[in-house]
């Protein structure tokens, strides 16, 4: 895929197949656990990204669907989304941005 070209369905399925979600889940959990100030933003992000009806399908965890996660990686890192590992600082920066731009209501 060349720069500026949009990923197609084949590109997204390639990311899903070549990048296990478990590796990214561990990076996210470790990053968020070390920063209590972003715990609520992390929970809100999980709620937004979780598959619809996640409680009805194994694993019974609020994880994003494979194609959606692949899309998020491609839009965050460019290319196919597999070249760059998701890091703790990336997660923390994203959740701090979420906290700043989506203040709590009430």
PDB file of N, CA and C in Angstrom:
ATOM      1  N   UNK A   1       0.856  -1.165   0.000  1.00  0.00           N
ATOM      2  CA  UNK A   1       0.000   0.000   0.000  1.00  0.00           C
ATOM      3  C   UNK A   1       0.907   1.234   0.000  1.00  0.00           C
ATOM      4  N   UNK A   2       0.636   2.178  -0.876  1.00  0.00           N
ATOM      5  CA  UNK A   2       1.446   3.380  -0.979  1.00  0.00           C
ATOM      6  C   UNK A   2       0.931   4.453  -0.024  1.00  0.00           C
ATOM      7  N   UNK A   3       1.772   5.434   0.313  1.00  0.00           N
ATOM      8  CA  UNK A   3       1.326   6.508   1.211  1.00  0.00           C
ATOM      9  C   UNK A   3       0.115   7.231   0.648  1.00  0.00           C
ATOM     10  N   UNK A   4      -0.845   7.517   1.498  1.00  0.00           N
ATOM     11  CA  UNK A   4      -2.043   8.218   1.099  1.00  0.00           C
ATOM     12  C   UNK A   4      -3.140   7.309   0.575  1.00  0.00           C
ATOM     13  N   UNK A   5      -2.807   6.044   0.329  1.00  0.00           N
ATOM     14  CA  UNK A   5      -3.806   5.091  -0.163  1.00  0.00           C
ATOM     15  C   UNK A   5      -4.595   4.534   1.010  1.00  0.00           C
ATOM     16  N   UNK A   6      -5.891   4.393   0.845  1.00  0.00           N
ATOM     17  CA  UNK A   6      -6.757   3.894   1.908  1.00  0.00           C
ATOM     18  C   UNK A   6      -6.687   2.373   1.963  1.00  0.00           C
ATOM     19  N   UNK A   7      -6.684   1.812   3.181  1.00  0.00           N
ATOM     20  CA  UNK A   7      -6.664   0.359   3.279  1.00  0.00           C
ATOM     21  C   UNK A   7      -7.990  -0.241   2.841  1.00  0.00           C
ATOM     22  N   UNK A   8      -7.916  -1.341   2.148  1.00  0.00           N
ATOM     23  CA  UNK A   8      -9.114  -2.040   1.714  1.00  0.00           C
ATOM     24  C   UNK A   8      -9.373  -3.245   2.600  1.00  0.00           C
ATOM     25  N   UNK A   9     -10.436  -3.999   2.325  1.00  0.00           N
ATOM     26  CA  UNK A   9     -10.775  -5.163   3.145  1.00  0.00           C
ATOM     27  C   UNK A   9      -9.655  -6.192   3.198  1.00  0.00           C
ATOM     28  N   UNK A  10      -8.914  -6.366   2.095  1.00  0.00           N
ATOM     29  CA  UNK A  10      -7.823  -7.333   2.100  1.00  0.00           C
ATOM     30  C   UNK A  10      -6.704  -6.889   3.024  1.00  0.00           C
ATOM     31  N   UNK A  11      -6.429  -5.584   3.054  1.00  0.00           N
ATOM     32  CA  UNK A  11      -5.390  -5.064   3.935  1.00  0.00           C
ATOM     33  C   UNK A  11      -5.767  -5.273   5.395  1.00  0.00           C
ATOM     34  N   UNK A  12      -7.012  -5.029   5.740  1.00  0.00           N
ATOM     35  CA  UNK A  12      -7.476  -5.164   7.120  1.00  0.00           C
ATOM     36  C   UNK A  12      -7.417  -6.616   7.563  1.00  0.00           C
ATOM     37  N   UNK A  13      -7.833  -7.551   6.709  1.00  0.00           N
ATOM     38  CA  UNK A  13      -7.790  -8.956   7.104  1.00  0.00           C
ATOM     39  C   UNK A  13      -6.357  -9.432   7.241  1.00  0.00           C
ATOM     40  N   UNK A  14      -5.431  -8.873   6.475  1.00  0.00           N
ATOM     41  CA  UNK A  14      -4.027  -9.248   6.617  1.00  0.00           C
ATOM     42  C   UNK A  14      -3.489  -8.800   7.968  1.00  0.00           C
ATOM     43  N   UNK A  15      -3.885  -7.615   8.424  1.00  0.00           N
ATOM     44  CA  UNK A  15      -3.448  -7.140   9.738  1.00  0.00           C
ATOM     45  C   UNK A  15      -4.001  -8.038  10.826  1.00  0.00           C
ATOM     46  N   UNK A  16      -5.268  -8.386  10.730  1.00  0.00           N
ATOM     47  CA  UNK A  16      -5.904  -9.231  11.736  1.00  0.00           C
ATOM     48  C   UNK A  16      -5.206 -10.580  11.825  1.00  0.00           C
ATOM     49  N   UNK A  17      -4.864 -11.158  10.683  1.00  0.00           N
ATOM     50  CA  UNK A  17      -4.241 -12.478  10.673  1.00  0.00           C
ATOM     51  C   UNK A  17      -2.804 -12.436  11.161  1.00  0.00           C
ATOM     52  N   UNK A  18      -2.074 -11.337  10.902  1.00  0.00           N
ATOM     53  CA  UNK A  18      -0.650 -11.308  11.224  1.00  0.00           C
ATOM     54  C   UNK A  18      -0.330 -10.639  12.553  1.00  0.00           C
ATOM     55  N   UNK A  19      -1.312 -10.087  13.234  1.00  0.00           N
ATOM     56  CA  UNK A  19      -1.047  -9.392  14.496  1.00  0.00           C
ATOM     57  C   UNK A  19      -1.997  -9.909  15.558  1.00  0.00           C
ATOM     58  N   UNK A  20      -1.498 -10.730  16.470  1.00  0.00           N
ATOM     59  CA  UNK A  20      -2.385 -11.264  17.513  1.00  0.00           C
ATOM     60  C   UNK A  20      -2.836 -10.167  18.473  1.00  0.00           C
ATOM     61  N   UNK A  21      -4.112 -10.169  18.801  1.00  0.00           N
ATOM     62  CA  UNK A  21      -4.688  -9.156  19.685  1.00  0.00           C
ATOM     63  C   UNK A  21      -4.130  -9.253  21.100  1.00  0.00           C
ATOM     64  N   UNK A  22      -3.769 -10.458  21.537  1.00  0.00           N
ATOM     65  CA  UNK A  22      -3.271 -10.651  22.900  1.00  0.00           C
ATOM     66  C   UNK A  22      -2.066  -9.797  23.229  1.00  0.00           C
ATOM     67  N   UNK A  23      -1.156  -9.648  22.288  1.00  0.00           N
ATOM     68  CA  UNK A  23       0.037  -8.826  22.502  1.00  0.00           C
ATOM     69  C   UNK A  23      -0.360  -7.377  22.793  1.00  0.00           C
ATOM     70  N   UNK A  24      -1.337  -6.871  22.056  1.00  0.00           N
ATOM     71  CA  UNK A  24      -1.783  -5.493  22.247  1.00  0.00           C
ATOM     72  C   UNK A  24      -2.560  -5.333  23.552  1.00  0.00           C
ATOM     73  N   UNK A  25      -3.350  -6.332  23.918  1.00  0.00           N
ATOM     74  CA  UNK A  25      -4.109  -6.274  25.174  1.00  0.00           C
ATOM     75  C   UNK A  25      -3.154  -6.159  26.354  1.00  0.00           C
ATOM     76  N   UNK A  26      -2.075  -6.925  26.327  1.00  0.00           N
ATOM     77  CA  UNK A  26      -1.089  -6.869  27.422  1.00  0.00           C
ATOM     78  C   UNK A  26      -0.448  -5.489  27.484  1.00  0.00           C
ATOM     79  N   UNK A  27      -0.075  -4.927  26.342  1.00  0.00           N
ATOM     80  CA  UNK A  27       0.529  -3.586  26.319  1.00  0.00           C
ATOM     81  C   UNK A  27      -0.428  -2.552  26.891  1.00  0.00           C
ATOM     82  N   UNK A  28      -1.710  -2.655  26.540  1.00  0.00           N
ATOM     83  CA  UNK A  28      -2.714  -1.711  27.032  1.00  0.00           C
ATOM     84  C   UNK A  28      -2.896  -1.860  28.537  1.00  0.00           C
ATOM     85  N   UNK A  29      -3.047  -3.079  29.017  1.00  0.00           N
ATOM     86  CA  UNK A  29      -3.270  -3.300  30.457  1.00  0.00           C
ATOM     87  C   UNK A  29      -2.100  -2.808  31.295  1.00  0.00           C
ATOM     88  N   UNK A  30      -0.887  -3.095  30.871  1.00  0.00           N
ATOM     89  CA  UNK A  30       0.288  -2.642  31.622  1.00  0.00           C
ATOM     90  C   UNK A  30       0.391  -1.117  31.637  1.00  0.00           C
ATOM     91  N   UNK A  31       0.122  -0.487  30.503  1.00  0.00           N
ATOM     92  CA  UNK A  31       0.213   0.974  30.425  1.00  0.00           C
ATOM     93  C   UNK A  31      -0.830   1.643  31.297  1.00  0.00           C
ATOM     94  N   UNK A  32      -2.056   1.147  31.248  1.00  0.00           N
ATOM     95  CA  UNK A  32      -3.143   1.775  31.999  1.00  0.00           C
ATOM     96  C   UNK A  32      -3.001   1.516  33.498  1.00  0.00           C
ATOM     97  N   UNK A  33      -2.583   0.331  33.873  1.00  0.00           N
ATOM     98  CA  UNK A  33      -2.429  -0.002  35.297  1.00  0.00           C
ATOM     99  C   UNK A  33      -1.443   0.938  35.996  1.00  0.00           C
ATOM    100  N   UNK A  34      -0.452   1.412  35.282  1.00  0.00           N
ATOM    101  CA  UNK A  34       0.569   2.281  35.871  1.00  0.00           C
ATOM    102  C   UNK A  34       0.133   3.745  35.980  1.00  0.00           C
ATOM    103  N   UNK A  35      -1.028   4.091  35.427  1.00  0.00           N
ATOM    104  CA  UNK A  35      -1.492   5.484  35.424  1.00  0.00           C
ATOM    105  C   UNK A  35      -2.937   5.581  35.900  1.00  0.00           C
ATOM    106  N   UNK A  36      -3.150   5.622  37.210  1.00  0.00           N
ATOM    107  CA  UNK A  36      -4.518   5.685  37.740  1.00  0.00           C
ATOM    108  C   UNK A  36      -5.334   6.864  37.217  1.00  0.00           C
ATOM    109  N   UNK A  37      -4.689   7.937  36.813  1.00  0.00           N
ATOM    110  CA  UNK A  37      -5.430   9.105  36.345  1.00  0.00           C
ATOM    111  C   UNK A  37      -6.182   8.853  35.038  1.00  0.00           C
ATOM    112  N   UNK A  38      -5.839   7.795  34.326  1.00  0.00           N
ATOM    113  CA  UNK A  38      -6.525   7.512  33.055  1.00  0.00           C
ATOM    114  C   UNK A  38      -7.389   6.249  33.125  1.00  0.00           C
ATOM    115  N   UNK A  39      -7.590   5.693  34.313  1.00  0.00           N
ATOM    116  CA  UNK A  39      -8.398   4.470  34.434  1.00  0.00           C
ATOM    117  C   UNK A  39      -9.813   4.668  33.894  1.00  0.00           C
ATOM    118  N   UNK A  40     -10.467   5.781  34.257  1.00  0.00           N
ATOM    119  CA  UNK A  40     -11.843   6.007  33.784  1.00  0.00           C
ATOM    120  C   UNK A  40     -11.871   6.201  32.280  1.00  0.00           C
ATOM    121  N   UNK A  41     -10.883   6.911  31.750  1.00  0.00           N
ATOM    122  CA  UNK A  41     -10.812   7.088  30.295  1.00  0.00           C
ATOM    123  C   UNK A  41     -10.601   5.735  29.618  1.00  0.00           C
ATOM    124  N   UNK A  42      -9.816   4.860  30.243  1.00  0.00           N
ATOM    125  CA  UNK A  42      -9.598   3.516  29.701  1.00  0.00           C
ATOM    126  C   UNK A  42     -10.870   2.695  29.679  1.00  0.00           C
ATOM    127  N   UNK A  43     -11.636   2.762  30.769  1.00  0.00           N
ATOM    128  CA  UNK A  43     -12.909   2.033  30.804  1.00  0.00           C
ATOM    129  C   UNK A  43     -13.880   2.553  29.743  1.00  0.00           C
ATOM    130  N   UNK A  44     -13.908   3.862  29.565  1.00  0.00           N
ATOM    131  CA  UNK A  44     -14.788   4.440  28.543  1.00  0.00           C
ATOM    132  C   UNK A  44     -14.355   3.997  27.148  1.00  0.00           C
ATOM    133  N   UNK A  45     -13.046   3.947  26.905  1.00  0.00           N
ATOM    134  CA  UNK A  45     -12.537   3.506  25.604  1.00  0.00           C
ATOM    135  C   UNK A  45     -12.885   2.042  25.351  1.00  0.00           C
ATOM    136  N   UNK A  46     -12.778   1.215  26.379  1.00  0.00           N
ATOM    137  CA  UNK A  46     -13.158  -0.195  26.242  1.00  0.00           C
ATOM    138  C   UNK A  46     -14.629  -0.292  25.857  1.00  0.00           C
ATOM    139  N   UNK A  47     -15.466   0.492  26.506  1.00  0.00           N
ATOM    140  CA  UNK A  47     -16.886   0.484  26.194  1.00  0.00           C
ATOM    141  C   UNK A  47     -17.172   0.901  24.768  1.00  0.00           C
ATOM    142  N   UNK A  48     -16.412   1.866  24.251  1.00  0.00           N
ATOM    143  CA  UNK A  48     -16.615   2.319  22.873  1.00  0.00           C
ATOM    144  C   UNK A  48     -16.117   1.313  21.850  1.00  0.00           C
ATOM    145  N   UNK A  49     -15.021   0.616  22.163  1.00  0.00           N
ATOM    146  CA  UNK A  49     -14.396  -0.273  21.183  1.00  0.00           C
ATOM    147  C   UNK A  49     -14.874  -1.713  21.238  1.00  0.00           C
ATOM    148  N   UNK A  50     -15.538  -2.113  22.312  1.00  0.00           N
ATOM    149  CA  UNK A  50     -15.942  -3.514  22.465  1.00  0.00           C
ATOM    150  C   UNK A  50     -16.920  -3.938  21.376  1.00  0.00           C
ATOM    151  N   UNK A  51     -16.802  -5.196  20.976  1.00  0.00           N
ATOM    152  CA  UNK A  51     -17.740  -5.751  19.994  1.00  0.00           C
ATOM    153  C   UNK A  51     -19.155  -5.682  20.547  1.00  0.00           C
ATOM    154  N   UNK A  52     -20.108  -5.470  19.681  1.00  0.00           N
ATOM    155  CA  UNK A  52     -21.504  -5.491  20.085  1.00  0.00           C
ATOM    156  C   UNK A  52     -21.850  -6.898  20.570  1.00  0.00           C
ATOM    157  N   UNK A  53     -22.494  -6.985  21.724  1.00  0.00           N
ATOM    158  CA  UNK A  53     -22.878  -8.288  22.271  1.00  0.00           C
ATOM    159  C   UNK A  53     -21.695  -9.129  22.704  1.00  0.00           C
ATOM    160  N   UNK A  54     -20.614  -8.482  23.157  1.00  0.00           N
ATOM    161  CA  UNK A  54     -19.404  -9.222  23.524  1.00  0.00           C
ATOM    162  C   UNK A  54     -19.669 -10.258  24.610  1.00  0.00           C
ATOM    163  N   UNK A  55     -20.660 -10.056  25.445  1.00  0.00           N
ATOM    164  CA  UNK A  55     -20.950 -10.973  26.554  1.00  0.00           C
ATOM    165  C   UNK A  55     -21.588 -12.281  26.070  1.00  0.00           C
ATOM    166  N   UNK A  56     -21.983 -12.340  24.789  1.00  0.00           N
ATOM    167  CA  UNK A  56     -22.610 -13.554  24.250  1.00  0.00           C
ATOM    168  C   UNK A  56     -21.628 -14.461  23.528  1.00  0.00           C
ATOM    169  N   UNK A  57     -20.408 -13.996  23.277  1.00  0.00           N
ATOM    170  CA  UNK A  57     -19.431 -14.757  22.500  1.00  0.00           C
ATOM    171  C   UNK A  57     -18.140 -14.949  23.262  1.00  0.00           C
ATOM    172  N   UNK A  58     -17.538 -16.108  23.083  1.00  0.00           N
ATOM    173  CA  UNK A  58     -16.229 -16.374  23.683  1.00  0.00           C
ATOM    174  C   UNK A  58     -15.182 -15.559  22.954  1.00  0.00           C
ATOM    175  N   UNK A  59     -14.159 -15.084  23.584  1.00  0.00           N
ATOM    176  CA  UNK A  59     -14.028 -14.989  25.031  1.00  0.00           C
ATOM    177  C   UNK A  59     -14.985 -13.923  25.553  1.00  0.00           C
ATOM    178  N   UNK A  60     -15.507 -14.127  26.713  1.00  0.00           N
ATOM    179  CA  UNK A  60     -16.508 -13.224  27.287  1.00  0.00           C
ATOM    180  C   UNK A  60     -15.826 -11.988  27.871  1.00  0.00           C
ATOM    181  N   UNK A  61     -15.132 -11.264  27.024  1.00  0.00           N
ATOM    182  CA  UNK A  61     -14.397 -10.057  27.403  1.00  0.00           C
ATOM    183  C   UNK A  61     -14.759  -8.932  26.436  1.00  0.00           C
ATOM    184  N   UNK A  62     -14.764  -7.704  26.909  1.00  0.00           N
ATOM    185  CA  UNK A  62     -15.122  -6.576  26.028  1.00  0.00           C
ATOM    186  C   UNK A  62     -13.961  -6.159  25.124  1.00  0.00           C
ATOM    187  N   UNK A  63     -13.567  -7.058  24.231  1.00  0.00           N
ATOM    188  CA  UNK A  63     -12.472  -6.786  23.307  1.00  0.00           C
ATOM    189  C   UNK A  63     -13.024  -6.265  21.988  1.00  0.00           C
ATOM    190  N   UNK A  64     -12.232  -5.474  21.269  1.00  0.00           N
ATOM    191  CA  UNK A  64     -12.694  -5.021  19.957  1.00  0.00           C
ATOM    192  C   UNK A  64     -12.661  -6.184  18.968  1.00  0.00           C
ATOM    193  N   UNK A  65     -13.499  -6.117  17.945  1.00  0.00           N
ATOM    194  CA  UNK A  65     -13.472  -7.122  16.889  1.00  0.00           C
ATOM    195  C   UNK A  65     -12.182  -7.011  16.096  1.00  0.00           C
ATOM    196  N   UNK A  66     -11.763  -8.097  15.497  1.00  0.00           N
ATOM    197  CA  UNK A  66     -10.510  -8.121  14.734  1.00  0.00           C
ATOM    198  C   UNK A  66     -10.434  -7.077  13.633  1.00  0.00           C
ATOM    199  N   UNK A  67     -11.442  -6.983  12.758  1.00  0.00           N
ATOM    200  CA  UNK A  67     -11.371  -5.980  11.689  1.00  0.00           C
ATOM    201  C   UNK A  67     -11.345  -4.543  12.219  1.00  0.00           C
ATOM    202  N   UNK A  68     -12.090  -4.265  13.295  1.00  0.00           N
ATOM    203  CA  UNK A  68     -12.085  -2.913  13.861  1.00  0.00           C
ATOM    204  C   UNK A  68     -10.717  -2.591  14.452  1.00  0.00           C
ATOM    205  N   UNK A  69     -10.128  -3.548  15.164  1.00  0.00           N
ATOM    206  CA  UNK A  69      -8.805  -3.328  15.766  1.00  0.00           C
ATOM    207  C   UNK A  69      -7.767  -3.108  14.668  1.00  0.00           C
ATOM    208  N   UNK A  70      -7.860  -3.882  13.592  1.00  0.00           N
ATOM    209  CA  UNK A  70      -6.938  -3.713  12.475  1.00  0.00           C
ATOM    210  C   UNK A  70      -7.084  -2.315  11.875  1.00  0.00           C
ATOM    211  N   UNK A  71      -8.325  -1.859  11.710  1.00  0.00           N
ATOM    212  CA  UNK A  71      -8.578  -0.518  11.197  1.00  0.00           C
ATOM    213  C   UNK A  71      -7.942   0.535  12.108  1.00  0.00           C
ATOM    214  N   UNK A  72      -8.114   0.384  13.422  1.00  0.00           N
ATOM    215  CA  UNK A  72      -7.537   1.350  14.362  1.00  0.00           C
ATOM    216  C   UNK A  72      -6.014   1.376  14.270  1.00  0.00           C
ATOM    217  N   UNK A  73      -5.384   0.228  14.095  1.00  0.00           N
ATOM    218  CA  UNK A  73      -3.932   0.175  13.975  1.00  0.00           C
ATOM    219  C   UNK A  73      -3.453   0.823  12.683  1.00  0.00           C
ATOM    220  N   UNK A  74      -4.159   0.581  11.595  1.00  0.00           N
ATOM    221  CA  UNK A  74      -3.781   1.187  10.319  1.00  0.00           C
ATOM    222  C   UNK A  74      -3.919   2.696  10.392  1.00  0.00           C
ATOM    223  N   UNK A  75      -5.009   3.187  10.978  1.00  0.00           N
ATOM    224  CA  UNK A  75      -5.190   4.637  11.049  1.00  0.00           C
ATOM    225  C   UNK A  75      -4.235   5.286  12.053  1.00  0.00           C
ATOM    226  N   UNK A  76      -3.809   4.553  13.068  1.00  0.00           N
ATOM    227  CA  UNK A  76      -2.883   5.116  14.059  1.00  0.00           C
ATOM    228  C   UNK A  76      -1.440   5.109  13.569  1.00  0.00           C
ATOM    229  N   UNK A  77      -1.028   4.011  12.929  1.00  0.00           N
ATOM    230  CA  UNK A  77       0.378   3.847  12.577  1.00  0.00           C
ATOM    231  C   UNK A  77       0.667   3.905  11.092  1.00  0.00           C
ATOM    232  N   UNK A  78      -0.367   3.852  10.253  1.00  0.00           N
ATOM    233  CA  UNK A  78      -0.160   3.870   8.811  1.00  0.00           C
ATOM    234  C   UNK A  78       0.296   2.518   8.292  1.00  0.00           C
ATOM    235  N   UNK A  79       0.549   2.468   7.013  1.00  0.00           N
ATOM    236  CA  UNK A  79       0.983   1.226   6.386  1.00  0.00           C
ATOM    237  C   UNK A  79      -0.052   0.143   6.557  1.00  0.00           C
ATOM    238  N   UNK A  80       0.408  -1.041   6.945  1.00  0.00           N
ATOM    239  CA  UNK A  80      -0.517  -2.149   7.171  1.00  0.00           C
ATOM    240  C   UNK A  80      -0.893  -2.264   8.638  1.00  0.00           C
ATOM    241  N   UNK A  81      -0.239  -1.484   9.504  1.00  0.00           N
ATOM    242  CA  UNK A  81      -0.543  -1.540  10.928  1.00  0.00           C
ATOM    243  C   UNK A  81       0.237  -2.603  11.665  1.00  0.00           C
ATOM    244  N   UNK A  82       1.049  -3.387  10.956  1.00  0.00           N
ATOM    245  CA  UNK A  82       1.795  -4.465  11.615  1.00  0.00           C
ATOM    246  C   UNK A  82       3.257  -4.120  11.844  1.00  0.00           C
ATOM    247  N   UNK A  83       3.739  -3.054  11.220  1.00  0.00           N
ATOM    248  CA  UNK A  83       5.161  -2.729  11.324  1.00  0.00           C
ATOM    249  C   UNK A  83       5.561  -2.205  12.697  1.00  0.00           C
ATOM    250  N   UNK A  84       4.664  -1.518  13.369  1.00  0.00           N
ATOM    251  CA  UNK A  84       4.969  -0.871  14.641  1.00  0.00           C
ATOM    252  C   UNK A  84       4.207  -1.550  15.764  1.00  0.00           C
ATOM    253  N   UNK A  85       4.915  -1.825  16.848  1.00  0.00           N
ATOM    254  CA  UNK A  85       4.268  -2.425  18.017  1.00  0.00           C
ATOM    255  C   UNK A  85       3.535  -1.342  18.802  1.00  0.00           C
ATOM    256  N   UNK A  86       2.394  -1.690  19.331  1.00  0.00           N
ATOM    257  CA  UNK A  86       1.651  -0.794  20.210  1.00  0.00           C
ATOM    258  C   UNK A  86       2.442  -0.676  21.507  1.00  0.00           C
ATOM    259  N   UNK A  87       2.717   0.548  21.934  1.00  0.00           N
ATOM    260  CA  UNK A  87       3.530   0.747  23.135  1.00  0.00           C
ATOM    261  C   UNK A  87       2.719   1.432  24.228  1.00  0.00           C
ATOM    262  N   UNK A  88       3.210   1.311  25.451  1.00  0.00           N
ATOM    263  CA  UNK A  88       2.572   1.960  26.585  1.00  0.00           C
ATOM    264  C   UNK A  88       2.412   3.458  26.405  1.00  0.00           C
ATOM    265  N   UNK A  89       3.464   4.170  25.983  1.00  0.00           N
ATOM    266  CA  UNK A  89       3.310   5.612  25.780  1.00  0.00           C
ATOM    267  C   UNK A  89       2.241   5.975  24.743  1.00  0.00           C
ATOM    268  N   UNK A  90       2.080   5.143  23.703  1.00  0.00           N
ATOM    269  CA  UNK A  90       1.014   5.386  22.725  1.00  0.00           C
ATOM    270  C   UNK A  90      -0.356   5.307  23.395  1.00  0.00           C
ATOM    271  N   UNK A  91      -0.535   4.279  24.214  1.00  0.00           N
ATOM    272  CA  UNK A  91      -1.820   4.063  24.897  1.00  0.00           C
ATOM    273  C   UNK A  91      -2.098   5.198  25.869  1.00  0.00           C
ATOM    274  N   UNK A  92      -1.094   5.571  26.650  1.00  0.00           N
ATOM    275  CA  UNK A  92      -1.257   6.634  27.640  1.00  0.00           C
ATOM    276  C   UNK A  92      -1.579   7.954  26.946  1.00  0.00           C
ATOM    277  N   UNK A  93      -0.869   8.268  25.874  1.00  0.00           N
ATOM    278  CA  UNK A  93      -1.128   9.517  25.141  1.00  0.00           C
ATOM    279  C   UNK A  93      -2.552   9.536  24.593  1.00  0.00           C
ATOM    280  N   UNK A  94      -3.013   8.411  24.035  1.00  0.00           N
ATOM    281  CA  UNK A  94      -4.368   8.350  23.497  1.00  0.00           C
ATOM    282  C   UNK A  94      -5.405   8.551  24.601  1.00  0.00           C
ATOM    283  N   UNK A  95      -5.226   7.886  25.731  1.00  0.00           N
ATOM    284  CA  UNK A  95      -6.206   8.002  26.812  1.00  0.00           C
ATOM    285  C   UNK A  95      -6.174   9.381  27.473  1.00  0.00           C
ATOM    286  N   UNK A  96      -5.010   9.998  27.540  1.00  0.00           N
ATOM    287  CA  UNK A  96      -4.950  11.372  28.054  1.00  0.00           C
ATOM    288  C   UNK A  96      -5.679  12.316  27.093  1.00  0.00           C
ATOM    289  N   UNK A  97      -5.526  12.087  25.803  1.00  0.00           N
ATOM    290  CA  UNK A  97      -6.256  12.885  24.819  1.00  0.00           C
ATOM    291  C   UNK A  97      -7.760  12.674  24.990  1.00  0.00           C
ATOM    292  N   UNK A  98      -8.175  11.426  25.171  1.00  0.00           N
ATOM    293  CA  UNK A  98      -9.609  11.135  25.394  1.00  0.00           C
ATOM    294  C   UNK A  98     -10.122  11.872  26.618  1.00  0.00           C
ATOM    295  N   UNK A  99      -9.342  11.858  27.677  1.00  0.00           N
ATOM    296  CA  UNK A  99      -9.767  12.506  28.923  1.00  0.00           C
ATOM    297  C   UNK A  99      -9.898  14.020  28.727  1.00  0.00           C
ATOM    298  N   UNK A 100      -8.976  14.614  27.972  1.00  0.00           N
ATOM    299  CA  UNK A 100      -9.025  16.069  27.725  1.00  0.00           C
ATOM    300  C   UNK A 100     -10.167  16.463  26.812  1.00  0.00           C
ATOM    301  N   UNK A 101     -10.426  15.655  25.798  1.00  0.00           N
ATOM    302  CA  UNK A 101     -11.412  16.059  24.790  1.00  0.00           C
ATOM    303  C   UNK A 101     -12.818  15.567  25.085  1.00  0.00           C
ATOM    304  N   UNK A 102     -12.980  14.651  26.011  1.00  0.00           N
ATOM    305  CA  UNK A 102     -14.298  14.137  26.380  1.00  0.00           C
ATOM    306  C   UNK A 102     -14.477  14.242  27.888  1.00  0.00           C
ATOM    307  N   UNK A 103     -14.614  15.477  28.396  1.00  0.00           N
ATOM    308  CA  UNK A 103     -14.760  15.616  29.853  1.00  0.00           C
ATOM    309  C   UNK A 103     -16.024  14.930  30.360  1.00  0.00           C
ATOM    310  N   UNK A 104     -15.974  14.531  31.620  1.00  0.00           N
ATOM    311  CA  UNK A 104     -17.135  13.865  32.226  1.00  0.00           C
ATOM    312  C   UNK A 104     -18.329  14.796  32.239  1.00  0.00           C
ATOM    313  N   UNK A 105     -19.465  14.215  32.053  1.00  0.00           N
ATOM    314  CA  UNK A 105     -20.709  14.987  32.114  1.00  0.00           C
ATOM    315  C   UNK A 105     -21.226  14.971  33.547  1.00  0.00           C
ATOM    316  N   UNK A 106     -21.950  16.015  33.923  1.00  0.00           N
ATOM    317  CA  UNK A 106     -22.615  15.966  35.203  1.00  0.00           C
ATOM    318  C   UNK A 106     -22.239  16.949  36.202  1.00  0.00           C
TER     319      UNK A 106
END
